[in-house]
Structures are given as structure tokens and as C-alpha cells.
PDB file of N, CA and C in Angstrom:
ATOM      1  N   MET A   1      82.448 110.082 120.378  1.00  0.00           N
ATOM      2  CA  MET A   1      82.614 109.379 119.122  1.00  0.00           C
ATOM      3  C   MET A   1      81.484 108.328 118.957  1.00  0.00           C
ATOM      4  N   LEU A   2      80.700 108.418 117.824  1.00  0.00           N
ATOM      5  CA  LEU A   2      79.570 107.598 117.693  1.00  0.00           C
ATOM      6  C   LEU A   2      79.831 106.081 117.412  1.00  0.00           C
ATOM      7  N   ILE A   3      80.815 105.956 116.403  1.00  0.00           N
ATOM      8  CA  ILE A   3      81.223 104.556 116.026  1.00  0.00           C
ATOM      9  C   ILE A   3      82.633 104.268 116.563  1.00  0.00           C
ATOM     10  N   LYS A   4      82.735 103.204 117.358  1.00  0.00           N
ATOM     11  CA  LYS A   4      84.012 102.820 117.665  1.00  0.00           C
ATOM     12  C   LYS A   4      84.231 101.455 117.175  1.00  0.00           C
ATOM     13  N   ASP A   5      85.056 101.375 116.022  1.00  0.00           N
ATOM     14  CA  ASP A   5      85.317 100.146 115.488  1.00  0.00           C
ATOM     15  C   ASP A   5      86.776  99.946 115.458  1.00  0.00           C
ATOM     16  N   ILE A   6      87.288  98.900 114.731  1.00  0.00           N
ATOM     17  CA  ILE A   6      88.854  98.581 114.886  1.00  0.00           C
ATOM     18  C   ILE A   6      89.499  99.815 114.265  1.00  0.00           C
ATOM     19  N   VAL A   7      89.074 100.476 113.218  1.00  0.00           N
ATOM     20  CA  VAL A   7      89.755 101.632 112.632  1.00  0.00           C
ATOM     21  C   VAL A   7      89.789 102.819 113.650  1.00  0.00           C
ATOM     22  N   THR A   8      88.720 103.097 114.231  1.00  0.00           N
ATOM     23  CA  THR A   8      88.782 104.246 115.138  1.00  0.00           C
ATOM     24  C   THR A   8      89.535 104.022 116.416  1.00  0.00           C
ATOM     25  N   TRP A   9      89.394 102.736 116.999  1.00  0.00           N
ATOM     26  CA  TRP A   9      90.255 102.413 118.143  1.00  0.00           C
ATOM     27  C   TRP A   9      91.752 102.424 117.802  1.00  0.00           C
ATOM     28  N   THR A  10      92.109 101.853 116.573  1.00  0.00           N
ATOM     29  CA  THR A  10      93.496 101.789 116.220  1.00  0.00           C
ATOM     30  C   THR A  10      94.071 103.134 115.907  1.00  0.00           C
ATOM     31  N   SER A  11      93.278 103.985 115.409  1.00  0.00           N
ATOM     32  CA  SER A  11      93.652 105.502 115.158  1.00  0.00           C
ATOM     33  C   SER A  11      93.938 106.178 116.491  1.00  0.00           C
ATOM     34  N   MET A  12      93.147 105.897 117.469  1.00  0.00           N
ATOM     35  CA  MET A  12      93.356 106.605 118.856  1.00  0.00           C
ATOM     36  C   MET A  12      94.620 106.086 119.427  1.00  0.00           C
ATOM     37  N   ILE A  13      94.814 104.639 119.360  1.00  0.00           N
ATOM     38  CA  ILE A  13      96.049 104.101 119.854  1.00  0.00           C
ATOM     39  C   ILE A  13      97.264 104.608 119.176  1.00  0.00           C
ATOM     40  N   GLU A  14      97.277 104.533 117.986  1.00  0.00           N
ATOM     41  CA  GLU A  14      98.268 105.180 116.994  1.00  0.00           C
ATOM     42  C   GLU A  14      98.547 106.602 117.431  1.00  0.00           C
ATOM     43  N   GLY A  15      97.484 107.473 117.566  1.00  0.00           N
ATOM     44  CA  GLY A  15      97.675 108.860 117.882  1.00  0.00           C
ATOM     45  C   GLY A  15      98.387 109.002 119.180  1.00  0.00           C
ATOM     46  N   TYR A  16      98.053 108.329 120.258  1.00  0.00           N
ATOM     47  CA  TYR A  16      98.641 108.459 121.530  1.00  0.00           C
ATOM     48  C   TYR A  16     100.036 108.062 121.475  1.00  0.00           C
ATOM     49  N   GLY A  17     100.242 106.833 120.889  1.00  0.00           N
ATOM     50  CA  GLY A  17     101.574 106.331 120.906  1.00  0.00           C
ATOM     51  C   GLY A  17     102.625 107.000 120.110  1.00  0.00           C
ATOM     52  N   SER A  18     102.176 107.607 118.913  1.00  0.00           N
ATOM     53  CA  SER A  18     103.186 108.280 118.143  1.00  0.00           C
ATOM     54  C   SER A  18     103.436 109.699 118.698  1.00  0.00           C
ATOM     55  N   HIS A  19     102.712 110.148 119.633  1.00  0.00           N
ATOM     56  CA  HIS A  19     103.058 111.458 120.251  1.00  0.00           C
ATOM     57  C   HIS A  19     103.626 111.230 121.665  1.00  0.00           C
ATOM     58  N   GLY A  20     104.214 110.053 121.911  1.00  0.00           N
ATOM     59  CA  GLY A  20     104.889 109.849 123.067  1.00  0.00           C
ATOM     60  C   GLY A  20     104.094 109.446 124.315  1.00  0.00           C
ATOM     61  N   HIS A  21     102.758 109.222 124.111  1.00  0.00           N
ATOM     62  CA  HIS A  21     101.871 108.875 125.234  1.00  0.00           C
ATOM     63  C   HIS A  21     101.524 107.354 125.284  1.00  0.00           C
ATOM     64  N   GLY A  22     102.690 106.639 125.399  1.00  0.00           N
ATOM     65  CA  GLY A  22     102.515 105.088 125.329  1.00  0.00           C
ATOM     66  C   GLY A  22     101.595 104.576 126.340  1.00  0.00           C
ATOM     67  N   PHE A  23     101.540 105.139 127.559  1.00  0.00           N
ATOM     68  CA  PHE A  23     100.610 104.593 128.659  1.00  0.00           C
ATOM     69  C   PHE A  23      99.142 104.759 128.162  1.00  0.00           C
ATOM     70  N   GLU A  24      98.925 106.037 127.629  1.00  0.00           N
ATOM     71  CA  GLU A  24      97.617 106.305 127.223  1.00  0.00           C
ATOM     72  C   GLU A  24      97.125 105.391 125.973  1.00  0.00           C
ATOM     73  N   ALA A  25      98.151 104.982 125.213  1.00  0.00           N
ATOM     74  CA  ALA A  25      97.812 104.103 124.019  1.00  0.00           C
ATOM     75  C   ALA A  25      97.409 102.705 124.609  1.00  0.00           C
ATOM     76  N   LEU A  26      98.167 102.216 125.644  1.00  0.00           N
ATOM     77  CA  LEU A  26      97.974 101.020 126.236  1.00  0.00           C
ATOM     78  C   LEU A  26      96.509 100.975 126.937  1.00  0.00           C
ATOM     79  N   LYS A  27      96.182 102.153 127.626  1.00  0.00           N
ATOM     80  CA  LYS A  27      94.713 102.352 128.170  1.00  0.00           C
ATOM     81  C   LYS A  27      93.735 102.156 127.123  1.00  0.00           C
ATOM     82  N   ARG A  28      94.030 102.757 125.892  1.00  0.00           N
ATOM     83  CA  ARG A  28      93.019 102.759 124.997  1.00  0.00           C
ATOM     84  C   ARG A  28      92.814 101.245 124.306  1.00  0.00           C
ATOM     85  N   PHE A  29      94.056 100.490 124.258  1.00  0.00           N
ATOM     86  CA  PHE A  29      93.988  99.156 123.858  1.00  0.00           C
ATOM     87  C   PHE A  29      93.199  98.334 124.800  1.00  0.00           C
ATOM     88  N   ASP A  30      93.326  98.556 126.066  1.00  0.00           N
ATOM     89  CA  ASP A  30      92.589  97.832 127.183  1.00  0.00           C
ATOM     90  C   ASP A  30      91.088  98.044 126.927  1.00  0.00           C
ATOM     91  N   LEU A  31      90.783  99.331 126.646  1.00  0.00           N
ATOM     92  CA  LEU A  31      89.321  99.679 126.573  1.00  0.00           C
ATOM     93  C   LEU A  31      88.769  99.092 125.368  1.00  0.00           C
ATOM     94  N   MET A  32      89.613  99.014 124.271  1.00  0.00           N
ATOM     95  CA  MET A  32      89.115  98.319 122.995  1.00  0.00           C
ATOM     96  C   MET A  32      88.835  96.867 123.314  1.00  0.00           C
ATOM     97  N   ILE A  33      89.856  96.212 123.850  1.00  0.00           N
ATOM     98  CA  ILE A  33      89.442  94.760 124.253  1.00  0.00           C
ATOM     99  C   ILE A  33      88.249  94.563 125.053  1.00  0.00           C
ATOM    100  N   ARG A  34      88.121  95.365 126.079  1.00  0.00           N
ATOM    101  CA  ARG A  34      86.920  95.246 126.916  1.00  0.00           C
ATOM    102  C   ARG A  34      85.689  95.680 126.199  1.00  0.00           C
ATOM    103  N   ALA A  35      85.786  96.504 125.156  1.00  0.00           N
ATOM    104  CA  ALA A  35      84.546  96.624 124.343  1.00  0.00           C
ATOM    105  C   ALA A  35      84.150  95.561 123.210  1.00  0.00           C
ATOM    106  N   GLY A  36      85.074  94.568 123.307  1.00  0.00           N
ATOM    107  CA  GLY A  36      84.771  93.455 122.369  1.00  0.00           C
ATOM    108  C   GLY A  36      85.412  93.540 121.042  1.00  0.00           C
ATOM    109  N   ILE A  37      86.296  94.555 120.796  1.00  0.00           N
ATOM    110  CA  ILE A  37      86.792  94.668 119.520  1.00  0.00           C
ATOM    111  C   ILE A  37      88.148  93.805 119.482  1.00  0.00           C
ATOM    112  N   ARG A  38      88.326  92.985 118.370  1.00  0.00           N
ATOM    113  CA  ARG A  38      89.570  92.176 118.265  1.00  0.00           C
ATOM    114  C   ARG A  38      90.587  92.983 117.537  1.00  0.00           C
ATOM    115  N   PRO A  39      91.826  93.083 118.113  1.00  0.00           N
ATOM    116  CA  PRO A  39      92.808  93.756 117.460  1.00  0.00           C
ATOM    117  C   PRO A  39      93.360  92.997 116.186  1.00  0.00           C
ATOM    118  N   ASN A  40      93.923  93.710 115.360  1.00  0.00           N
ATOM    119  CA  ASN A  40      94.572  93.068 114.196  1.00  0.00           C
ATOM    120  C   ASN A  40      96.110  93.507 114.157  1.00  0.00           C
ATOM    121  N   THR A  41      96.806  93.160 113.169  1.00  0.00           N
ATOM    122  CA  THR A  41      98.259  93.385 113.019  1.00  0.00           C
ATOM    123  C   THR A  41      98.462  94.930 112.994  1.00  0.00           C
ATOM    124  N   VAL A  42      97.541  95.611 112.253  1.00  0.00           N
ATOM    125  CA  VAL A  42      97.679  97.090 112.270  1.00  0.00           C
ATOM    126  C   VAL A  42      97.649  97.704 113.660  1.00  0.00           C
ATOM    127  N   THR A  43      96.843  97.161 114.467  1.00  0.00           N
ATOM    128  CA  THR A  43      96.678  97.560 115.872  1.00  0.00           C
ATOM    129  C   THR A  43      97.884  97.256 116.716  1.00  0.00           C
ATOM    130  N   PHE A  44      98.433  96.010 116.566  1.00  0.00           N
ATOM    131  CA  PHE A  44      99.511  95.712 117.421  1.00  0.00           C
ATOM    132  C   PHE A  44     100.837  96.383 117.084  1.00  0.00           C
ATOM    133  N   LEU A  45     101.170  96.450 115.837  1.00  0.00           N
ATOM    134  CA  LEU A  45     102.481  97.032 115.437  1.00  0.00           C
ATOM    135  C   LEU A  45     102.742  98.344 115.946  1.00  0.00           C
ATOM    136  N   PRO A  46     101.785  99.378 115.649  1.00  0.00           N
ATOM    137  CA  PRO A  46     101.989 100.660 116.287  1.00  0.00           C
ATOM    138  C   PRO A  46     102.018 100.697 117.735  1.00  0.00           C
ATOM    139  N   LEU A  47     101.213  99.957 118.357  1.00  0.00           N
ATOM    140  CA  LEU A  47     101.065 100.009 119.680  1.00  0.00           C
ATOM    141  C   LEU A  47     102.347  99.515 120.321  1.00  0.00           C
ATOM    142  N   LEU A  48     102.914  98.424 119.835  1.00  0.00           N
ATOM    143  CA  LEU A  48     104.227  97.892 120.346  1.00  0.00           C
ATOM    144  C   LEU A  48     105.327  98.827 120.121  1.00  0.00           C
ATOM    145  N   SER A  49     105.383  99.364 118.808  1.00  0.00           N
ATOM    146  CA  SER A  49     106.497 100.174 118.346  1.00  0.00           C
ATOM    147  C   SER A  49     106.438 101.550 119.137  1.00  0.00           C
ATOM    148  N   ASN A  50     105.363 102.145 119.135  1.00  0.00           N
ATOM    149  CA  ASN A  50     105.203 103.493 119.723  1.00  0.00           C
ATOM    150  C   ASN A  50     105.289 103.428 121.272  1.00  0.00           C
ATOM    151  N   THR A  51     104.923 102.361 121.901  1.00  0.00           N
ATOM    152  CA  THR A  51     105.100 102.226 123.282  1.00  0.00           C
ATOM    153  C   THR A  51     106.555 102.048 123.598  1.00  0.00           C
ATOM    154  N   GLN A  52     107.225 101.278 122.754  1.00  0.00           N
ATOM    155  CA  GLN A  52     108.744 101.167 123.064  1.00  0.00           C
ATOM    156  C   GLN A  52     109.430 102.511 122.810  1.00  0.00           C
ATOM    157  N   ALA A  53     108.992 103.262 121.710  1.00  0.00           N
ATOM    158  CA  ALA A  53     109.626 104.628 121.528  1.00  0.00           C
ATOM    159  C   ALA A  53     109.359 105.572 122.578  1.00  0.00           C
ATOM    160  N   SER A  54     108.141 105.501 123.204  1.00  0.00           N
ATOM    161  CA  SER A  54     107.808 106.493 124.265  1.00  0.00           C
ATOM    162  C   SER A  54     108.694 106.309 125.616  1.00  0.00           C
ATOM    163  N   VAL A  55     109.243 105.114 125.695  1.00  0.00           N
ATOM    164  CA  VAL A  55     110.089 104.927 126.857  1.00  0.00           C
ATOM    165  C   VAL A  55     111.669 104.836 126.483  1.00  0.00           C
ATOM    166  N   GLY A  56     111.816 105.197 125.147  1.00  0.00           N
ATOM    167  CA  GLY A  56     113.262 105.351 124.772  1.00  0.00           C
ATOM    168  C   GLY A  56     113.991 103.986 124.435  1.00  0.00           C
ATOM    169  N   GLN A  57     113.186 102.991 124.102  1.00  0.00           N
ATOM    170  CA  GLN A  57     113.679 101.707 123.719  1.00  0.00           C
ATOM    171  C   GLN A  57     113.866 101.591 122.206  1.00  0.00           C
ATOM    172  N   TRP A  58     114.805 102.311 121.709  1.00  0.00           N
ATOM    173  CA  TRP A  58     115.115 102.497 120.290  1.00  0.00           C
ATOM    174  C   TRP A  58     115.501 101.303 119.574  1.00  0.00           C
ATOM    175  N   ASP A  59     116.368 100.423 120.210  1.00  0.00           N
ATOM    176  CA  ASP A  59     116.724  99.277 119.574  1.00  0.00           C
ATOM    177  C   ASP A  59     115.653  98.251 119.455  1.00  0.00           C
ATOM    178  N   GLU A  60     114.793  98.351 120.400  1.00  0.00           N
ATOM    179  CA  GLU A  60     113.498  97.395 120.298  1.00  0.00           C
ATOM    180  C   GLU A  60     112.597  97.903 119.266  1.00  0.00           C
ATOM    181  N   VAL A  61     112.460  99.258 119.027  1.00  0.00           N
ATOM    182  CA  VAL A  61     111.622  99.843 117.949  1.00  0.00           C
ATOM    183  C   VAL A  61     112.127  99.388 116.659  1.00  0.00           C
ATOM    184  N   GLU A  62     113.376  99.377 116.414  1.00  0.00           N
ATOM    185  CA  GLU A  62     114.113  98.947 115.175  1.00  0.00           C
ATOM    186  C   GLU A  62     113.735  97.467 114.907  1.00  0.00           C
ATOM    187  N   GLU A  63     113.966  96.719 116.084  1.00  0.00           N
ATOM    188  CA  GLU A  63     113.605  95.217 115.884  1.00  0.00           C
ATOM    189  C   GLU A  63     112.262  94.939 115.518  1.00  0.00           C
ATOM    190  N   THR A  64     111.230  95.686 116.186  1.00  0.00           N
ATOM    191  CA  THR A  64     109.901  95.514 115.842  1.00  0.00           C
ATOM    192  C   THR A  64     109.618  95.889 114.476  1.00  0.00           C
ATOM    193  N   ARG A  65     110.181  96.905 113.989  1.00  0.00           N
ATOM    194  CA  ARG A  65     109.979  97.357 112.631  1.00  0.00           C
ATOM    195  C   ARG A  65     110.657  96.335 111.521  1.00  0.00           C
ATOM    196  N   ARG A  66     111.786  95.823 111.979  1.00  0.00           N
ATOM    197  CA  ARG A  66     112.486  94.818 111.093  1.00  0.00           C
ATOM    198  C   ARG A  66     111.572  93.532 111.085  1.00  0.00           C
ATOM    199  N   VAL A  67     111.171  93.054 112.044  1.00  0.00           N
ATOM    200  CA  VAL A  67     110.268  91.804 111.965  1.00  0.00           C
ATOM    201  C   VAL A  67     109.095  92.096 111.149  1.00  0.00           C
ATOM    202  N   ALA A  68     108.421  93.302 111.350  1.00  0.00           N
ATOM    203  CA  ALA A  68     107.237  93.601 110.578  1.00  0.00           C
ATOM    204  C   ALA A  68     107.594  93.614 109.147  1.00  0.00           C
ATOM    205  N   SER A  69     108.722  94.087 108.904  1.00  0.00           N
ATOM    206  CA  SER A  69     109.160  94.238 107.408  1.00  0.00           C
ATOM    207  C   SER A  69     109.311  92.817 106.843  1.00  0.00           C
ATOM    208  N   GLU A  70     109.926  91.958 107.648  1.00  0.00           N
ATOM    209  CA  GLU A  70     110.275  90.665 107.241  1.00  0.00           C
ATOM    210  C   GLU A  70     108.997  89.884 107.112  1.00  0.00           C
ATOM    211  N   MET A  71     108.003  90.076 107.820  1.00  0.00           N
ATOM    212  CA  MET A  71     106.713  89.422 107.715  1.00  0.00           C
ATOM    213  C   MET A  71     105.763  90.135 106.658  1.00  0.00           C
ATOM    214  N   ASP A  72     106.326  90.966 106.010  1.00  0.00           N
ATOM    215  CA  ASP A  72     105.512  91.746 105.041  1.00  0.00           C
ATOM    216  C   ASP A  72     104.227  92.517 105.640  1.00  0.00           C
ATOM    217  N   LEU A  73     104.416  92.948 106.846  1.00  0.00           N
ATOM    218  CA  LEU A  73     103.291  93.540 107.468  1.00  0.00           C
ATOM    219  C   LEU A  73     103.601  94.991 107.176  1.00  0.00           C
ATOM    220  N   LYS A  74     102.492  95.634 106.679  1.00  0.00           N
ATOM    221  CA  LYS A  74     102.551  97.055 106.299  1.00  0.00           C
ATOM    222  C   LYS A  74     101.515  97.911 106.754  1.00  0.00           C
ATOM    223  N   LYS A  75     101.862  99.088 107.326  1.00  0.00           N
ATOM    224  CA  LYS A  75     100.914  99.946 107.814  1.00  0.00           C
ATOM    225  C   LYS A  75     100.495 100.962 106.681  1.00  0.00           C
ATOM    226  N   VAL A  76      99.186 101.138 106.533  1.00  0.00           N
ATOM    227  CA  VAL A  76      98.703 102.051 105.618  1.00  0.00           C
ATOM    228  C   VAL A  76      99.061 103.421 105.990  1.00  0.00           C
ATOM    229  N   PRO A  77      99.643 104.207 105.070  1.00  0.00           N
ATOM    230  CA  PRO A  77     100.095 105.476 105.462  1.00  0.00           C
ATOM    231  C   PRO A  77      98.960 106.522 105.750  1.00  0.00           C
ATOM    232  N   GLY A  78      99.197 107.460 106.609  1.00  0.00           N
ATOM    233  CA  GLY A  78      98.173 108.360 106.921  1.00  0.00           C
ATOM    234  C   GLY A  78      97.903 109.332 105.803  1.00  0.00           C
ATOM    235  N   TRP A  79      96.679 109.952 105.739  1.00  0.00           N
ATOM    236  CA  TRP A  79      96.283 110.836 104.658  1.00  0.00           C
ATOM    237  C   TRP A  79      95.452 111.855 105.234  1.00  0.00           C
ATOM    238  N   SER A  80      95.459 113.063 104.401  1.00  0.00           N
ATOM    239  CA  SER A  80      94.533 114.081 104.896  1.00  0.00           C
ATOM    240  C   SER A  80      94.118 114.842 103.608  1.00  0.00           C
ATOM    241  N   CYS A  81      93.096 115.644 103.764  1.00  0.00           N
ATOM    242  CA  CYS A  81      92.697 116.473 102.565  1.00  0.00           C
ATOM    243  C   CYS A  81      92.188 117.884 103.048  1.00  0.00           C
ATOM    244  N   ILE A  82      92.515 118.843 102.190  1.00  0.00           N
ATOM    245  CA  ILE A  82      91.993 120.260 102.514  1.00  0.00           C
ATOM    246  C   ILE A  82      91.234 120.864 101.325  1.00  0.00           C
ATOM    247  N   GLU A  83      90.449 121.721 101.519  1.00  0.00           N
ATOM    248  CA  GLU A  83      89.839 122.384 100.478  1.00  0.00           C
ATOM    249  C   GLU A  83      90.374 123.864 100.489  1.00  0.00           C
ATOM    250  N   ALA A  84      90.813 124.288  99.235  1.00  0.00           N
ATOM    251  CA  ALA A  84      91.321 125.683  99.146  1.00  0.00           C
ATOM    252  C   ALA A  84      90.851 126.163  97.849  1.00  0.00           C
ATOM    253  N   GLN A  85      90.050 127.323  97.950  1.00  0.00           N
ATOM    254  CA  GLN A  85      89.565 127.985  96.766  1.00  0.00           C
ATOM    255  C   GLN A  85      88.696 126.972  95.853  1.00  0.00           C
ATOM    256  N   GLY A  86      87.905 126.189  96.609  1.00  0.00           N
ATOM    257  CA  GLY A  86      86.896 125.346  95.929  1.00  0.00           C
ATOM    258  C   GLY A  86      87.576 124.079  95.288  1.00  0.00           C
ATOM    259  N   ILE A  87      88.888 123.791  95.586  1.00  0.00           N
ATOM    260  CA  ILE A  87      89.542 122.732  95.145  1.00  0.00           C
ATOM    261  C   ILE A  87      90.069 121.838  96.276  1.00  0.00           C
ATOM    262  N   ILE A  88      89.712 120.428  96.207  1.00  0.00           N
ATOM    263  CA  ILE A  88      90.121 119.612  97.205  1.00  0.00           C
ATOM    264  C   ILE A  88      91.526 119.024  96.942  1.00  0.00           C
ATOM    265  N   TYR A  89      92.458 119.087  97.846  1.00  0.00           N
ATOM    266  CA  TYR A  89      93.837 118.574  97.785  1.00  0.00           C
ATOM    267  C   TYR A  89      93.968 117.434  98.704  1.00  0.00           C
ATOM    268  N   GLY A  90      94.440 116.240  98.248  1.00  0.00           N
ATOM    269  CA  GLY A  90      94.797 115.073  99.115  1.00  0.00           C
ATOM    270  C   GLY A  90      96.208 115.017  99.255  1.00  0.00           C
ATOM    271  N   PHE A  91      96.509 114.501 100.464  1.00  0.00           N
ATOM    272  CA  PHE A  91      97.936 114.311 100.844  1.00  0.00           C
ATOM    273  C   PHE A  91      98.167 112.940 101.489  1.00  0.00           C
ATOM    274  N   VAL A  92      99.121 112.222 101.130  1.00  0.00           N
ATOM    275  CA  VAL A  92      99.569 110.938 101.741  1.00  0.00           C
ATOM    276  C   VAL A  92     100.892 111.074 102.417  1.00  0.00           C
ATOM    277  N   SER A  93     100.923 110.658 103.662  1.00  0.00           N
ATOM    278  CA  SER A  93     102.159 110.715 104.532  1.00  0.00           C
ATOM    279  C   SER A  93     103.297 110.252 103.711  1.00  0.00           C
ATOM    280  N   GLY A  94     104.471 111.004 103.657  1.00  0.00           N
ATOM    281  CA  GLY A  94     105.596 110.543 102.972  1.00  0.00           C
ATOM    282  C   GLY A  94     105.604 110.724 101.416  1.00  0.00           C
ATOM    283  N   ASP A  95     104.536 111.079 100.950  1.00  0.00           N
ATOM    284  CA  ASP A  95     104.618 111.248  99.513  1.00  0.00           C
ATOM    285  C   ASP A  95     105.103 112.588  99.026  1.00  0.00           C
ATOM    286  N   GLY A  96     106.125 112.640  98.295  1.00  0.00           N
ATOM    287  CA  GLY A  96     106.668 113.908  97.907  1.00  0.00           C
ATOM    288  C   GLY A  96     106.373 114.230  96.477  1.00  0.00           C
ATOM    289  N   SER A  97     105.411 113.874  95.931  1.00  0.00           N
ATOM    290  CA  SER A  97     105.270 113.907  94.422  1.00  0.00           C
ATOM    291  C   SER A  97     104.461 115.186  94.173  1.00  0.00           C
ATOM    292  N   HIS A  98     103.986 115.857  95.041  1.00  0.00           N
ATOM    293  CA  HIS A  98     103.107 117.100  94.821  1.00  0.00           C
ATOM    294  C   HIS A  98     104.088 118.233  94.165  1.00  0.00           C
ATOM    295  N   HIS A  99     103.737 118.831  93.152  1.00  0.00           N
ATOM    296  CA  HIS A  99     104.494 119.787  92.486  1.00  0.00           C
ATOM    297  C   HIS A  99     105.059 120.991  93.431  1.00  0.00           C
ATOM    298  N   GLN A 100     104.268 121.222  94.539  1.00  0.00           N
ATOM    299  CA  GLN A 100     104.642 122.213  95.405  1.00  0.00           C
ATOM    300  C   GLN A 100     105.056 121.767  96.761  1.00  0.00           C
ATOM    301  N   VAL A 101     105.618 120.532  96.802  1.00  0.00           N
ATOM    302  CA  VAL A 101     105.786 119.975  98.028  1.00  0.00           C
ATOM    303  C   VAL A 101     106.809 120.760  98.929  1.00  0.00           C
ATOM    304  N   GLU A 102     107.884 121.320  98.333  1.00  0.00           N
ATOM    305  CA  GLU A 102     108.787 122.158  99.122  1.00  0.00           C
ATOM    306  C   GLU A 102     108.092 123.321  99.784  1.00  0.00           C
ATOM    307  N   ASP A 103     107.096 123.993  98.996  1.00  0.00           N
ATOM    308  CA  ASP A 103     106.348 125.166  99.534  1.00  0.00           C
ATOM    309  C   ASP A 103     105.453 124.740 100.691  1.00  0.00           C
ATOM    310  N   ILE A 104     104.923 123.494 100.578  1.00  0.00           N
ATOM    311  CA  ILE A 104     103.950 122.980 101.438  1.00  0.00           C
ATOM    312  C   ILE A 104     104.670 122.633 102.764  1.00  0.00           C
ATOM    313  N   TYR A 105     105.777 122.188 102.696  1.00  0.00           N
ATOM    314  CA  TYR A 105     106.645 121.802 103.989  1.00  0.00           C
ATOM    315  C   TYR A 105     107.140 123.010 104.598  1.00  0.00           C
ATOM    316  N   GLU A 106     107.454 123.963 103.813  1.00  0.00           N
ATOM    317  CA  GLU A 106     107.894 125.280 104.379  1.00  0.00           C
ATOM    318  C   GLU A 106     106.765 126.021 105.256  1.00  0.00           C
ATOM    319  N   VAL A 107     105.572 125.906 104.681  1.00  0.00           N
ATOM    320  CA  VAL A 107     104.378 126.508 105.338  1.00  0.00           C
ATOM    321  C   VAL A 107     104.135 125.753 106.607  1.00  0.00           C
ATOM    322  N   LEU A 108     104.224 124.264 106.540  1.00  0.00           N
ATOM    323  CA  LEU A 108     103.887 123.567 107.715  1.00  0.00           C
ATOM    324  C   LEU A 108     105.030 123.799 108.845  1.00  0.00           C
ATOM    325  N   GLU A 109     106.100 123.979 108.340  1.00  0.00           N
ATOM    326  CA  GLU A 109     107.220 124.402 109.339  1.00  0.00           C
ATOM    327  C   GLU A 109     106.947 125.682 110.146  1.00  0.00           C
ATOM    328  N   CYS A 110     106.535 126.603 109.321  1.00  0.00           N
ATOM    329  CA  CYS A 110     106.026 127.901 109.935  1.00  0.00           C
ATOM    330  C   CYS A 110     104.919 127.698 110.849  1.00  0.00           C
ATOM    331  N   LEU A 111     103.895 126.942 110.553  1.00  0.00           N
ATOM    332  CA  LEU A 111     102.720 126.756 111.408  1.00  0.00           C
ATOM    333  C   LEU A 111     103.155 125.988 112.641  1.00  0.00           C
ATOM    334  N   SER A 112     104.120 125.030 112.566  1.00  0.00           N
ATOM    335  CA  SER A 112     104.501 124.318 113.736  1.00  0.00           C
ATOM    336  C   SER A 112     104.985 125.219 114.781  1.00  0.00           C
ATOM    337  N   TRP A 113     105.550 126.354 114.414  1.00  0.00           N
ATOM    338  CA  TRP A 113     106.195 127.347 115.388  1.00  0.00           C
ATOM    339  C   TRP A 113     105.050 128.318 115.953  1.00  0.00           C
ATOM    340  N   MET A 114     104.037 128.389 115.167  1.00  0.00           N
ATOM    341  CA  MET A 114     102.989 129.325 115.857  1.00  0.00           C
ATOM    342  C   MET A 114     102.234 128.913 117.045  1.00  0.00           C
ATOM    343  N   LYS A 115     101.823 129.869 117.825  1.00  0.00           N
ATOM    344  CA  LYS A 115     100.947 129.593 119.053  1.00  0.00           C
ATOM    345  C   LYS A 115      99.756 128.909 118.550  1.00  0.00           C
ATOM    346  N   PRO A 116      99.261 127.811 119.109  1.00  0.00           N
ATOM    347  CA  PRO A 116      97.885 127.236 118.751  1.00  0.00           C
ATOM    348  C   PRO A 116      96.734 128.155 118.686  1.00  0.00           C
ATOM    349  N   GLU A 117      96.695 129.048 119.442  1.00  0.00           N
ATOM    350  CA  GLU A 117      95.534 129.982 119.546  1.00  0.00           C
ATOM    351  C   GLU A 117      95.581 130.886 118.329  1.00  0.00           C
ATOM    352  N   LEU A 118      96.656 130.938 117.589  1.00  0.00           N
ATOM    353  CA  LEU A 118      96.759 131.845 116.286  1.00  0.00           C
ATOM    354  C   LEU A 118      96.302 130.910 115.095  1.00  0.00           C
ATOM    355  N   ILE A 119      96.336 129.605 115.120  1.00  0.00           N
ATOM    356  CA  ILE A 119      96.169 128.757 113.985  1.00  0.00           C
ATOM    357  C   ILE A 119      94.695 128.522 113.822  1.00  0.00           C
TER     358      ILE A 119
END
């Protein structure tokens, strides 16, 4: 990766943590600090919450999220885009407003069961 700023570090930390790799998320956090990047609340909240979740501390996860909500700390939702037949489609995590949302989730469900080498 060419540029490692707060956004890229936080994305790596979030990715590891949200997929059950809390220890790897903590290692990336340590590397970020050693690289001289100062964390912000967007870095701390997923790190704490996802690390707790990765070791099954669900009560602590809920408490972390409750406190974050009380402090009005919000995480920017994830988003992605794809191009199909020359048209770019954007998607925001948790947004169900697309007119084909049910079809989209049905296809995603099918893809999640496919072997990675087939995708």
C-alpha cells in the first residue's frame, strides 16, 4: 500500500476486527501508532467493539456501542460501487432504498455460498 494514513489504517483495523481477527486488529493498531499516525474516535470504536466481539464479550460490545451512541459518535457506513453495462451503481451499507434491493441480496446470498475460485 502506497499511502498509509488514518483512513487506510482504520480500514485495515476495522476489516480484521469485523471478521473475528481481533488480535490482528490490535497488531495493526500498534503498527499505526509506531508509524506516527494518531488514532481518532473512528479508529478506537471499531477496534474496541470488534476486539470484544472476537472473544465473545457481547455484553461489553453492547455497552461500547451504547456509550458511543450516547456520545453521538457515529461511524461512517461502508460503501462500494460496481459498473454493469456501462452504468456505475453505488451502494451504502444498510441502505435498503434501491428498487432492486431484494434481488441484490438474493444474488449476494448465492455468491456467499460459492467457492472462492468460482467467483
